[in-house]
Protein backbone atom coordinates (compact mmCIF):
# COMPACT_ATOMS: atom_id res chain seq x y z
CA MET A 1 86.33 164.89 73.44
CA HIS A 2 85.17 164.81 77.00
CA GLU A 3 81.96 166.68 76.39
CA GLN A 4 80.84 163.98 73.98
CA ILE A 5 81.32 161.01 76.23
CA THR A 6 79.53 159.98 79.48
CA ASP A 7 81.51 159.43 82.63
CA VAL A 8 80.44 155.72 82.63
CA LEU A 9 81.70 155.19 79.10
CA LEU A 10 84.87 157.13 79.81
CA ARG A 11 85.69 154.91 82.83
CA ARG A 12 84.91 151.78 80.85
CA LYS A 13 87.29 152.91 78.03
CA ILE A 14 90.06 153.68 80.56
CA MET A 15 89.68 150.26 82.24
CA ARG A 16 89.84 148.58 78.86
CA LYS A 17 92.96 150.70 77.93
CA GLU A 18 91.17 152.26 74.98
CA ILE A 19 92.07 155.59 76.52
CA THR A 20 95.56 155.97 78.14
CA LEU A 21 96.27 159.75 77.86
CA GLY A 22 94.42 163.01 78.02
CA GLY A 23 95.07 166.26 76.27
CA ASN A 24 94.16 169.90 76.16
CA LYS A 25 92.85 170.70 72.69
CA LYS A 26 93.48 174.48 73.05
CA LEU A 27 97.06 174.17 74.25
CA LYS A 28 97.88 171.02 72.23
CA ILE A 29 99.43 169.34 75.28
CA TYR A 30 98.95 165.65 76.31
CA GLY A 31 99.73 163.89 79.51
CA THR A 32 98.81 161.05 81.90
CA LEU A 33 95.26 160.67 83.14
CA HIS A 34 96.58 161.28 86.69
CA CYS A 35 98.24 164.65 86.01
CA GLN A 36 97.18 167.41 88.33
CA SER A 37 97.46 169.96 85.56
CA GLY A 38 95.20 167.88 83.29
CA LYS A 39 92.66 167.43 86.05
CA ARG A 40 92.34 171.24 86.33
CA MET A 41 91.60 171.83 82.60
CA LEU A 42 88.06 172.60 81.49
CA ARG A 43 86.00 169.64 80.36
CA LYS A 44 85.29 171.30 77.02
CA ASN A 45 89.02 171.47 76.26
CA ARG A 46 89.74 167.85 77.20
CA VAL A 47 90.47 165.19 74.59
CA PHE A 48 91.63 161.58 74.96
CA PHE A 49 94.16 159.37 73.19
CA HIS A 50 94.73 155.72 72.91
CA SER A 51 98.52 156.10 72.66
CA GLU A 52 101.34 158.59 72.72
CA GLU A 53 101.76 158.04 68.99
CA GLU A 54 98.15 159.20 68.38
CA ALA A 55 98.78 162.36 70.46
CA LEU A 56 102.02 163.14 68.60
CA GLN A 57 100.35 162.49 65.18
CA ASN A 58 97.83 165.16 66.15
CA ASP A 59 100.62 167.64 66.83
CA TYR A 60 100.27 167.54 70.69
CA ARG A 61 103.41 167.98 72.84
CA PRO A 62 104.19 166.19 76.14
CA CYS A 63 103.16 167.80 79.45
CA GLY A 64 106.02 169.35 81.34
CA HIS A 65 104.58 168.20 84.68
CA CYS A 66 103.72 164.54 84.28
CA LEU A 67 105.96 163.68 81.33
CA THR A 68 108.95 165.72 82.37
CA GLU A 69 111.63 163.70 80.49
CA LYS A 70 109.61 163.45 77.33
CA TYR A 71 108.90 167.15 77.52
CA LYS A 72 112.62 168.01 77.83
CA ILE A 73 113.32 165.89 74.76
CA TRP A 74 110.49 167.50 72.88
CA LYS A 75 111.70 170.91 73.89
CA ILE A 76 115.31 170.28 72.66
CA LYS A 77 114.02 168.86 69.31
CA ASN A 78 111.75 171.89 68.82
CA SER A 79 113.99 174.69 70.11
CA ASN A 80 115.60 175.37 66.64
CA GLY A 81 118.95 176.05 68.30
CA PHE A 82 117.58 178.19 71.11
CA ILE A 83 117.71 176.86 74.68
């Protein structure tokens, strides 16, 4: 969680590739660290992931803005026949 990590430690983890994705814990959405939507979220709602697999294992879905193709695939898989 972003509230529990200092900015210095966060940058270090990003540079070391320990963190590669960010997510919104309220909306259960994950995306790239450069996503404009992600940058607007409140710090208290921000979580970080090492990999896409980690985000998916925690029931997060891809961001429709920065991960458009992955979001489209997720939406089709989770539409239950409704498009």
